[in-house]
Amino acid sequence: MKHTIEIIEGDITRLEVDAIVNAANTTLLGGGGVDGAIHRAAGPCLLEECRTLGGCPTGHAKITSAYNLPSKFIVHAVGPVWKGGQHNEEKLLADAYRHSLWIAEHTKLKSIAFPNISTGVYGFPKELAAGIAISTCSAFLESARHLERLIFCIFDAENLQIYRHHLMP
């Protein structure tokens, strides 16, 4: 099966894909950045569903309906807060991507869009995060049976340039 990886600049809440990924916090109850934007765009039913999930540990993910968004589902991935690189942050970030992809694959989704997880207020170095995101997702797609299209939806020009640099051989 042919898998495609795309990098676009834009607003992830507007994408018509099977699932968008939310860079969530451990409570899953909303926050700033992309998390807040997704909660606002999806509407109050998202918060109601998230309250039933009991949170989510760092490096893991959970799925909900997308409510008022054009996507079908939201996969809430909890990336790590950067604490200098000595607290397993790289593995935890890769795990957040892997768990999101595992959920998408087992839900038989064909398309998924990711933001750049942990690079905002969580302070993960952008270059390092982009490399982890692209290598983890590329490796997962090699054995994916359902996922066909993966999009990195980047909100700012700096991260867009970094992701494009990492994806180009």
N, C-alpha and C. Protein backbone atom coordinates (compact mmCIF):
# COMPACT_ATOMS: atom_id res chain seq x y z
N MET A 1 0.84 -1.18 0.00
CA MET A 1 0.00 0.00 0.00
C MET A 1 0.88 1.24 0.00
N LYS A 2 0.46 2.23 -0.77
CA LYS A 2 1.21 3.47 -0.84
C LYS A 2 0.77 4.40 0.30
N HIS A 3 1.75 4.91 1.01
CA HIS A 3 1.50 5.85 2.09
C HIS A 3 2.09 7.20 1.70
N THR A 4 1.37 8.27 2.01
CA THR A 4 1.91 9.59 1.73
C THR A 4 2.06 10.37 3.02
N ILE A 5 3.12 11.16 3.08
CA ILE A 5 3.34 12.10 4.17
C ILE A 5 3.39 13.49 3.56
N GLU A 6 2.53 14.36 4.07
CA GLU A 6 2.47 15.74 3.58
C GLU A 6 2.79 16.69 4.72
N ILE A 7 3.33 17.84 4.37
CA ILE A 7 3.56 18.91 5.33
C ILE A 7 2.85 20.14 4.78
N ILE A 8 1.92 20.65 5.57
CA ILE A 8 1.18 21.84 5.15
C ILE A 8 1.21 22.88 6.27
N GLU A 9 1.03 24.12 5.89
CA GLU A 9 0.88 25.19 6.87
C GLU A 9 -0.60 25.50 6.96
N GLY A 10 -1.13 25.54 8.18
CA GLY A 10 -2.54 25.83 8.29
C GLY A 10 -3.11 25.58 9.66
N ASP A 11 -4.43 25.60 9.71
CA ASP A 11 -5.20 25.42 10.94
C ASP A 11 -5.73 23.99 10.96
N ILE A 12 -5.23 23.19 11.87
CA ILE A 12 -5.60 21.77 11.93
C ILE A 12 -7.10 21.57 12.17
N THR A 13 -7.76 22.54 12.78
CA THR A 13 -9.19 22.39 13.06
C THR A 13 -10.04 22.46 11.80
N ARG A 14 -9.45 22.85 10.68
CA ARG A 14 -10.21 22.98 9.43
C ARG A 14 -10.00 21.81 8.46
N LEU A 15 -9.17 20.85 8.86
CA LEU A 15 -8.84 19.76 7.94
C LEU A 15 -9.93 18.70 7.86
N GLU A 16 -10.22 18.27 6.64
CA GLU A 16 -11.18 17.19 6.41
C GLU A 16 -10.40 15.88 6.27
N VAL A 17 -10.10 15.28 7.41
CA VAL A 17 -9.39 14.00 7.48
C VAL A 17 -10.15 13.11 8.45
N ASP A 18 -9.78 11.83 8.49
CA ASP A 18 -10.46 10.94 9.42
C ASP A 18 -10.22 11.36 10.86
N ALA A 19 -8.98 11.76 11.18
CA ALA A 19 -8.68 12.19 12.55
C ALA A 19 -7.64 13.28 12.55
N ILE A 20 -7.80 14.22 13.48
CA ILE A 20 -6.74 15.17 13.77
C ILE A 20 -6.19 14.79 15.15
N VAL A 21 -4.94 15.12 15.36
CA VAL A 21 -4.33 14.85 16.65
C VAL A 21 -4.27 16.15 17.43
N ASN A 22 -4.68 16.05 18.68
CA ASN A 22 -4.63 17.18 19.60
C ASN A 22 -3.38 17.03 20.47
N ALA A 23 -2.58 18.07 20.55
CA ALA A 23 -1.44 18.09 21.47
C ALA A 23 -2.02 18.42 22.85
N ALA A 24 -2.47 17.39 23.52
CA ALA A 24 -3.24 17.54 24.76
C ALA A 24 -2.35 17.54 26.00
N ASN A 25 -2.93 17.96 27.11
CA ASN A 25 -2.26 17.79 28.40
C ASN A 25 -2.84 16.55 29.08
N THR A 26 -2.29 16.17 30.20
CA THR A 26 -2.68 14.91 30.85
C THR A 26 -4.12 14.88 31.34
N THR A 27 -4.74 16.05 31.55
CA THR A 27 -6.13 16.07 32.00
C THR A 27 -7.11 15.82 30.85
N LEU A 28 -6.69 16.13 29.62
CA LEU A 28 -7.53 16.08 28.41
C LEU A 28 -8.67 17.10 28.45
N LEU A 29 -8.59 18.05 29.36
CA LEU A 29 -9.71 18.99 29.55
C LEU A 29 -9.49 20.34 28.88
N GLY A 30 -8.58 20.41 27.92
CA GLY A 30 -8.33 21.66 27.21
C GLY A 30 -7.17 22.41 27.82
N GLY A 31 -6.70 23.38 27.08
CA GLY A 31 -5.55 24.17 27.52
C GLY A 31 -5.31 25.28 26.53
N GLY A 32 -4.04 25.63 26.34
CA GLY A 32 -3.69 26.68 25.40
C GLY A 32 -3.30 26.11 24.05
N GLY A 33 -2.83 26.98 23.18
CA GLY A 33 -2.31 26.55 21.88
C GLY A 33 -3.31 25.74 21.08
N VAL A 34 -2.80 24.69 20.41
CA VAL A 34 -3.63 23.86 19.56
C VAL A 34 -4.72 23.15 20.37
N ASP A 35 -4.41 22.79 21.60
CA ASP A 35 -5.38 22.13 22.48
C ASP A 35 -6.61 23.02 22.68
N GLY A 36 -6.38 24.26 23.04
CA GLY A 36 -7.49 25.20 23.23
C GLY A 36 -8.25 25.46 21.95
N ALA A 37 -7.53 25.59 20.83
CA ALA A 37 -8.18 25.83 19.54
C ALA A 37 -9.08 24.67 19.15
N ILE A 38 -8.62 23.45 19.38
CA ILE A 38 -9.42 22.27 19.04
C ILE A 38 -10.66 22.20 19.94
N HIS A 39 -10.50 22.42 21.22
CA HIS A 39 -11.65 22.39 22.13
C HIS A 39 -12.67 23.47 21.76
N ARG A 40 -12.20 24.68 21.44
CA ARG A 40 -13.13 25.75 21.06
C ARG A 40 -13.87 25.40 19.77
N ALA A 41 -13.15 24.90 18.78
CA ALA A 41 -13.77 24.61 17.48
C ALA A 41 -14.70 23.39 17.55
N ALA A 42 -14.37 22.41 18.37
CA ALA A 42 -15.20 21.20 18.46
C ALA A 42 -16.49 21.44 19.23
N GLY A 43 -16.46 22.39 20.17
CA GLY A 43 -17.66 22.69 20.95
C GLY A 43 -17.68 21.99 22.30
N PRO A 44 -18.66 22.31 23.13
CA PRO A 44 -18.70 21.84 24.52
C PRO A 44 -18.87 20.33 24.69
N CYS A 45 -19.39 19.64 23.70
CA CYS A 45 -19.55 18.18 23.82
C CYS A 45 -18.20 17.48 23.91
N LEU A 46 -17.16 18.06 23.31
CA LEU A 46 -15.82 17.45 23.41
C LEU A 46 -15.36 17.43 24.86
N LEU A 47 -15.51 18.54 25.55
CA LEU A 47 -15.11 18.59 26.95
C LEU A 47 -15.92 17.57 27.77
N GLU A 48 -17.21 17.45 27.49
CA GLU A 48 -18.03 16.47 28.21
C GLU A 48 -17.49 15.06 28.01
N GLU A 49 -17.15 14.70 26.76
CA GLU A 49 -16.61 13.36 26.51
C GLU A 49 -15.24 13.19 27.18
N CYS A 50 -14.39 14.21 27.09
CA CYS A 50 -13.06 14.12 27.69
C CYS A 50 -13.13 13.92 29.21
N ARG A 51 -14.12 14.50 29.83
CA ARG A 51 -14.29 14.32 31.28
C ARG A 51 -14.52 12.86 31.66
N THR A 52 -15.04 12.05 30.73
CA THR A 52 -15.32 10.64 31.01
C THR A 52 -14.09 9.75 30.83
N LEU A 53 -12.99 10.29 30.31
CA LEU A 53 -11.84 9.47 29.94
C LEU A 53 -10.81 9.29 31.06
N GLY A 54 -10.91 10.07 32.12
CA GLY A 54 -9.99 9.92 33.24
C GLY A 54 -8.57 10.36 32.96
N GLY A 55 -8.39 11.31 32.05
CA GLY A 55 -7.05 11.80 31.73
C GLY A 55 -6.27 10.82 30.87
N CYS A 56 -4.99 11.13 30.69
CA CYS A 56 -4.14 10.31 29.83
C CYS A 56 -2.68 10.56 30.22
N PRO A 57 -1.90 9.50 30.42
CA PRO A 57 -0.50 9.72 30.81
C PRO A 57 0.35 10.25 29.66
N THR A 58 1.43 10.90 29.99
CA THR A 58 2.38 11.40 28.99
C THR A 58 2.89 10.24 28.16
N GLY A 59 2.96 10.45 26.84
CA GLY A 59 3.42 9.42 25.92
C GLY A 59 2.32 8.54 25.39
N HIS A 60 1.08 8.76 25.83
CA HIS A 60 -0.05 7.94 25.39
C HIS A 60 -1.07 8.82 24.66
N ALA A 61 -2.15 8.19 24.21
CA ALA A 61 -3.18 8.91 23.46
C ALA A 61 -4.53 8.23 23.67
N LYS A 62 -5.59 9.01 23.49
CA LYS A 62 -6.97 8.51 23.56
C LYS A 62 -7.76 9.17 22.44
N ILE A 63 -8.84 8.50 22.01
CA ILE A 63 -9.63 8.99 20.88
C ILE A 63 -11.02 9.43 21.34
N THR A 64 -11.51 10.49 20.70
CA THR A 64 -12.88 10.96 20.93
C THR A 64 -13.52 11.28 19.58
N SER A 65 -14.80 11.55 19.61
CA SER A 65 -15.49 12.10 18.45
C SER A 65 -14.96 13.51 18.20
N ALA A 66 -15.22 14.04 17.01
CA ALA A 66 -14.72 15.37 16.66
C ALA A 66 -15.80 16.45 16.75
N TYR A 67 -17.03 16.06 16.95
CA TYR A 67 -18.14 17.00 17.15
C TYR A 67 -18.23 18.02 16.02
N ASN A 68 -17.99 19.31 16.28
CA ASN A 68 -18.21 20.35 15.27
C ASN A 68 -17.06 20.51 14.28
N LEU A 69 -16.05 19.66 14.34
CA LEU A 69 -14.93 19.75 13.41
C LEU A 69 -15.23 18.97 12.13
N PRO A 70 -14.56 19.30 11.03
CA PRO A 70 -14.78 18.55 9.79
C PRO A 70 -14.17 17.14 9.81
N SER A 71 -13.27 16.86 10.73
CA SER A 71 -12.72 15.50 10.86
C SER A 71 -13.74 14.63 11.59
N LYS A 72 -13.50 13.31 11.56
CA LYS A 72 -14.42 12.38 12.23
C LYS A 72 -14.06 12.17 13.70
N PHE A 73 -12.74 12.17 13.98
CA PHE A 73 -12.25 11.87 15.32
C PHE A 73 -11.14 12.84 15.72
N ILE A 74 -10.90 12.89 17.03
CA ILE A 74 -9.74 13.59 17.57
C ILE A 74 -8.96 12.56 18.38
N VAL A 75 -7.68 12.45 18.08
CA VAL A 75 -6.80 11.61 18.89
C VAL A 75 -6.02 12.58 19.78
N HIS A 76 -6.19 12.44 21.08
CA HIS A 76 -5.56 13.33 22.05
C HIS A 76 -4.25 12.70 22.49
N ALA A 77 -3.13 13.26 22.03
CA ALA A 77 -1.80 12.73 22.34
C ALA A 77 -1.13 13.64 23.36
N VAL A 78 -0.57 13.04 24.40
CA VAL A 78 0.08 13.83 25.45
C VAL A 78 1.59 13.71 25.28
N GLY A 79 2.18 14.80 24.80
CA GLY A 79 3.63 14.85 24.66
C GLY A 79 4.27 15.32 25.96
N PRO A 80 5.58 15.17 26.05
CA PRO A 80 6.28 15.55 27.28
C PRO A 80 6.62 17.04 27.34
N VAL A 81 6.73 17.52 28.56
CA VAL A 81 7.30 18.84 28.80
C VAL A 81 8.82 18.65 28.74
N TRP A 82 9.51 19.51 28.02
CA TRP A 82 10.97 19.45 27.92
C TRP A 82 11.60 19.88 29.24
N LYS A 83 12.40 19.01 29.81
CA LYS A 83 13.07 19.32 31.09
C LYS A 83 14.58 19.20 30.93
N GLY A 84 15.08 19.49 29.74
CA GLY A 84 16.52 19.46 29.51
C GLY A 84 17.01 18.21 28.81
N GLY A 85 16.16 17.25 28.57
CA GLY A 85 16.52 16.06 27.82
C GLY A 85 16.97 14.87 28.64
N GLN A 86 16.97 15.01 29.95
CA GLN A 86 17.44 13.92 30.82
C GLN A 86 16.30 13.15 31.49
N HIS A 87 15.08 13.37 31.04
CA HIS A 87 13.91 12.75 31.68
C HIS A 87 13.08 11.95 30.68
N ASN A 88 13.77 11.27 29.74
CA ASN A 88 13.10 10.38 28.79
C ASN A 88 12.18 11.12 27.81
N GLU A 89 12.41 12.43 27.62
CA GLU A 89 11.52 13.22 26.79
C GLU A 89 11.45 12.72 25.34
N GLU A 90 12.59 12.31 24.77
CA GLU A 90 12.58 11.88 23.37
C GLU A 90 11.73 10.62 23.20
N LYS A 91 11.89 9.65 24.08
CA LYS A 91 11.09 8.42 24.01
C LYS A 91 9.61 8.72 24.22
N LEU A 92 9.30 9.59 25.18
CA LEU A 92 7.91 9.93 25.45
C LEU A 92 7.26 10.62 24.26
N LEU A 93 8.00 11.47 23.56
CA LEU A 93 7.44 12.13 22.37
C LEU A 93 7.19 11.10 21.28
N ALA A 94 8.16 10.24 21.02
CA ALA A 94 7.98 9.19 20.02
C ALA A 94 6.79 8.30 20.39
N ASP A 95 6.67 7.97 21.67
CA ASP A 95 5.54 7.15 22.13
C ASP A 95 4.20 7.83 21.87
N ALA A 96 4.13 9.15 22.06
CA ALA A 96 2.87 9.88 21.82
C ALA A 96 2.47 9.76 20.35
N TYR A 97 3.45 9.88 19.44
CA TYR A 97 3.15 9.69 18.01
C TYR A 97 2.74 8.24 17.73
N ARG A 98 3.51 7.28 18.26
CA ARG A 98 3.23 5.86 18.02
C ARG A 98 1.85 5.46 18.53
N HIS A 99 1.50 5.88 19.74
CA HIS A 99 0.19 5.54 20.29
C HIS A 99 -0.94 6.15 19.45
N SER A 100 -0.74 7.36 18.98
CA SER A 100 -1.74 8.01 18.11
C SER A 100 -1.93 7.21 16.84
N LEU A 101 -0.83 6.80 16.24
CA LEU A 101 -0.90 6.03 15.00
C LEU A 101 -1.51 4.65 15.23
N TRP A 102 -1.18 4.04 16.36
CA TRP A 102 -1.74 2.73 16.69
C TRP A 102 -3.26 2.83 16.81
N ILE A 103 -3.74 3.88 17.49
CA ILE A 103 -5.19 4.09 17.62
C ILE A 103 -5.82 4.28 16.24
N ALA A 104 -5.20 5.09 15.40
CA ALA A 104 -5.74 5.34 14.05
C ALA A 104 -5.78 4.05 13.24
N GLU A 105 -4.72 3.28 13.30
CA GLU A 105 -4.65 2.02 12.55
C GLU A 105 -5.71 1.03 13.05
N HIS A 106 -5.87 0.92 14.35
CA HIS A 106 -6.84 -0.03 14.91
C HIS A 106 -8.28 0.45 14.79
N THR A 107 -8.46 1.73 14.50
CA THR A 107 -9.79 2.27 14.23
C THR A 107 -10.06 2.22 12.72
N LYS A 108 -9.07 1.73 11.97
CA LYS A 108 -9.15 1.59 10.51
C LYS A 108 -9.31 2.93 9.79
N LEU A 109 -8.63 3.95 10.31
CA LEU A 109 -8.66 5.26 9.67
C LEU A 109 -7.68 5.29 8.51
N LYS A 110 -8.02 6.07 7.50
CA LYS A 110 -7.17 6.19 6.33
C LYS A 110 -6.30 7.45 6.36
N SER A 111 -6.72 8.48 7.09
CA SER A 111 -5.96 9.73 7.10
C SER A 111 -5.92 10.32 8.51
N ILE A 112 -4.78 10.92 8.82
CA ILE A 112 -4.58 11.53 10.14
C ILE A 112 -3.69 12.76 9.97
N ALA A 113 -3.95 13.77 10.78
CA ALA A 113 -3.15 15.01 10.74
C ALA A 113 -2.61 15.31 12.13
N PHE A 114 -1.32 15.60 12.19
CA PHE A 114 -0.64 15.91 13.44
C PHE A 114 -0.22 17.37 13.49
N PRO A 115 -0.30 17.99 14.66
CA PRO A 115 0.39 19.27 14.88
C PRO A 115 1.82 18.93 15.31
N ASN A 116 2.64 19.93 15.56
CA ASN A 116 3.98 19.66 16.08
C ASN A 116 3.88 19.59 17.61
N ILE A 117 3.75 18.36 18.10
CA ILE A 117 3.50 18.08 19.52
C ILE A 117 4.68 18.50 20.40
N SER A 118 4.36 19.14 21.51
CA SER A 118 5.30 19.52 22.59
C SER A 118 6.24 20.69 22.27
N THR A 119 6.10 21.32 21.10
CA THR A 119 7.06 22.38 20.75
C THR A 119 6.60 23.78 21.14
N GLY A 120 5.39 23.90 21.65
CA GLY A 120 4.89 25.21 22.09
C GLY A 120 5.30 25.47 23.53
N VAL A 121 4.30 25.62 24.40
CA VAL A 121 4.59 25.92 25.81
C VAL A 121 5.34 24.79 26.51
N TYR A 122 5.31 23.56 25.94
CA TYR A 122 6.05 22.45 26.54
C TYR A 122 7.55 22.54 26.27
N GLY A 123 7.95 23.42 25.35
CA GLY A 123 9.36 23.78 25.18
C GLY A 123 10.28 22.76 24.55
N PHE A 124 9.74 21.72 23.91
CA PHE A 124 10.60 20.71 23.28
C PHE A 124 11.34 21.38 22.12
N PRO A 125 12.65 21.16 21.99
CA PRO A 125 13.39 21.78 20.88
C PRO A 125 12.78 21.40 19.53
N LYS A 126 12.51 22.41 18.71
CA LYS A 126 11.76 22.20 17.48
C LYS A 126 12.45 21.27 16.50
N GLU A 127 13.75 21.43 16.30
CA GLU A 127 14.49 20.56 15.37
C GLU A 127 14.42 19.11 15.82
N LEU A 128 14.67 18.88 17.08
CA LEU A 128 14.66 17.53 17.63
C LEU A 128 13.26 16.92 17.53
N ALA A 129 12.25 17.70 17.86
CA ALA A 129 10.86 17.21 17.80
C ALA A 129 10.47 16.84 16.37
N ALA A 130 10.85 17.65 15.40
CA ALA A 130 10.51 17.36 14.00
C ALA A 130 11.16 16.05 13.55
N GLY A 131 12.41 15.85 13.90
CA GLY A 131 13.09 14.62 13.53
C GLY A 131 12.43 13.40 14.14
N ILE A 132 12.06 13.50 15.41
CA ILE A 132 11.38 12.39 16.09
C ILE A 132 10.02 12.12 15.44
N ALA A 133 9.27 13.18 15.18
CA ALA A 133 7.94 13.02 14.59
C ALA A 133 8.02 12.34 13.23
N ILE A 134 8.88 12.83 12.37
CA ILE A 134 8.95 12.30 11.01
C ILE A 134 9.50 10.88 10.99
N SER A 135 10.55 10.61 11.77
CA SER A 135 11.12 9.25 11.75
C SER A 135 10.16 8.25 12.38
N THR A 136 9.50 8.61 13.47
CA THR A 136 8.55 7.71 14.13
C THR A 136 7.37 7.40 13.21
N CYS A 137 6.81 8.43 12.61
CA CYS A 137 5.65 8.23 11.73
C CYS A 137 6.03 7.46 10.47
N SER A 138 7.18 7.78 9.88
CA SER A 138 7.62 7.06 8.68
C SER A 138 7.80 5.58 8.97
N ALA A 139 8.43 5.26 10.09
CA ALA A 139 8.65 3.86 10.46
C ALA A 139 7.31 3.14 10.68
N PHE A 140 6.37 3.80 11.34
CA PHE A 140 5.07 3.18 11.60
C PHE A 140 4.33 2.90 10.29
N LEU A 141 4.37 3.85 9.36
CA LEU A 141 3.63 3.71 8.11
C LEU A 141 4.12 2.54 7.27
N GLU A 142 5.37 2.13 7.45
CA GLU A 142 5.91 1.01 6.67
C GLU A 142 5.09 -0.26 6.87
N SER A 143 4.52 -0.45 8.05
CA SER A 143 3.74 -1.66 8.30
C SER A 143 2.24 -1.38 8.46
N ALA A 144 1.81 -0.16 8.23
CA ALA A 144 0.39 0.18 8.38
C ALA A 144 -0.44 -0.47 7.28
N ARG A 145 -1.60 -0.98 7.66
CA ARG A 145 -2.48 -1.62 6.69
C ARG A 145 -3.64 -0.72 6.28
N HIS A 146 -4.00 0.23 7.13
CA HIS A 146 -5.16 1.07 6.84
C HIS A 146 -4.77 2.52 6.56
N LEU A 147 -3.87 3.05 7.34
CA LEU A 147 -3.46 4.45 7.16
C LEU A 147 -2.79 4.65 5.80
N GLU A 148 -3.28 5.60 5.07
CA GLU A 148 -2.72 5.90 3.75
C GLU A 148 -2.10 7.29 3.69
N ARG A 149 -2.67 8.22 4.46
CA ARG A 149 -2.26 9.62 4.33
C ARG A 149 -1.99 10.21 5.71
N LEU A 150 -0.81 10.76 5.87
CA LEU A 150 -0.42 11.40 7.12
C LEU A 150 -0.02 12.84 6.80
N ILE A 151 -0.58 13.77 7.54
CA ILE A 151 -0.31 15.19 7.32
C ILE A 151 0.29 15.77 8.58
N PHE A 152 1.37 16.50 8.43
CA PHE A 152 1.86 17.35 9.50
C PHE A 152 1.32 18.74 9.20
N CYS A 153 0.39 19.20 10.02
CA CYS A 153 -0.24 20.51 9.83
C CYS A 153 0.45 21.49 10.76
N ILE A 154 1.25 22.36 10.19
CA ILE A 154 2.11 23.26 10.95
C ILE A 154 1.51 24.66 10.94
N PHE A 155 1.51 25.29 12.09
CA PHE A 155 0.83 26.57 12.25
C PHE A 155 1.75 27.77 11.98
N ASP A 156 3.07 27.58 12.09
CA ASP A 156 3.97 28.73 11.97
C ASP A 156 5.08 28.46 10.95
N ALA A 157 5.61 29.54 10.38
CA ALA A 157 6.60 29.43 9.30
C ALA A 157 7.90 28.77 9.77
N GLU A 158 8.34 29.02 11.01
CA GLU A 158 9.59 28.43 11.49
C GLU A 158 9.50 26.91 11.53
N ASN A 159 8.45 26.38 12.14
CA ASN A 159 8.28 24.93 12.19
C ASN A 159 8.04 24.34 10.81
N LEU A 160 7.35 25.06 9.95
CA LEU A 160 7.11 24.57 8.59
C LEU A 160 8.45 24.33 7.88
N GLN A 161 9.35 25.27 7.98
CA GLN A 161 10.67 25.15 7.35
C GLN A 161 11.44 23.97 7.96
N ILE A 162 11.39 23.82 9.27
CA ILE A 162 12.08 22.72 9.95
C ILE A 162 11.54 21.37 9.49
N TYR A 163 10.22 21.22 9.44
CA TYR A 163 9.62 19.95 9.02
C TYR A 163 9.96 19.64 7.57
N ARG A 164 9.89 20.64 6.71
CA ARG A 164 10.23 20.41 5.30
C ARG A 164 11.67 19.97 5.15
N HIS A 165 12.56 20.59 5.93
CA HIS A 165 13.98 20.22 5.89
C HIS A 165 14.16 18.76 6.32
N HIS A 166 13.46 18.33 7.35
CA HIS A 166 13.60 16.97 7.85
C HIS A 166 13.00 15.91 6.92
N LEU A 167 11.97 16.29 6.17
CA LEU A 167 11.32 15.33 5.29
C LEU A 167 12.07 15.16 3.97
N MET A 168 12.75 16.21 3.55
CA MET A 168 13.48 16.12 2.29
C MET A 168 14.76 15.31 2.49
N PRO A 169 15.02 14.34 1.59
CA PRO A 169 16.24 13.52 1.75
C PRO A 169 17.52 14.32 1.48
